[in-house]
Amino acid sequence: MSLLTYLLFFSHHEYSNITNRLTTENGS
C-alpha cells in the first residue's frame, strides 16, 4: 500500500466522520 493511497483513504475516512458528525448535530 503506497503512502498516497493511504493518505487518500485516510482523508476520505476523516471527511466521512466529520460530515456525519455535522449532520447529526444539525439534525438534533
Protein backbone atom coordinates (compact mmCIF):
# COMPACT_ATOMS: atom_id res chain seq x y z
CA MET A 1 0.00 0.00 0.00
CA SER A 2 1.59 3.25 -1.12
CA LEU A 3 1.67 6.38 1.02
CA LEU A 4 -0.52 8.26 -1.45
CA THR A 5 -3.17 5.53 -1.36
CA TYR A 6 -3.11 5.55 2.44
CA LEU A 7 -3.38 9.33 2.52
CA LEU A 8 -6.39 9.31 0.17
CA PHE A 9 -8.08 6.56 2.19
CA PHE A 10 -7.42 8.34 5.50
CA SER A 11 -8.65 11.68 4.13
CA HIS A 12 -11.86 10.11 2.83
CA HIS A 13 -12.42 8.34 6.16
CA GLU A 14 -11.91 11.54 8.16
CA TYR A 15 -14.12 13.52 5.77
CA SER A 16 -16.92 10.99 6.26
CA ASN A 17 -16.60 11.19 10.04
CA ILE A 18 -16.73 15.00 10.02
CA THR A 19 -19.72 15.03 7.65
CA ASN A 20 -21.62 12.51 9.75
CA ARG A 21 -20.88 14.48 12.93
CA LEU A 22 -22.13 17.75 11.41
CA THR A 23 -25.24 16.06 10.03
CA THR A 24 -26.02 14.58 13.46
CA GLU A 25 -25.58 17.93 15.21
CA ASN A 26 -27.75 19.75 12.68
CA GLY A 27 -30.42 17.05 12.88
CA SER A 28 -30.68 17.30 16.68
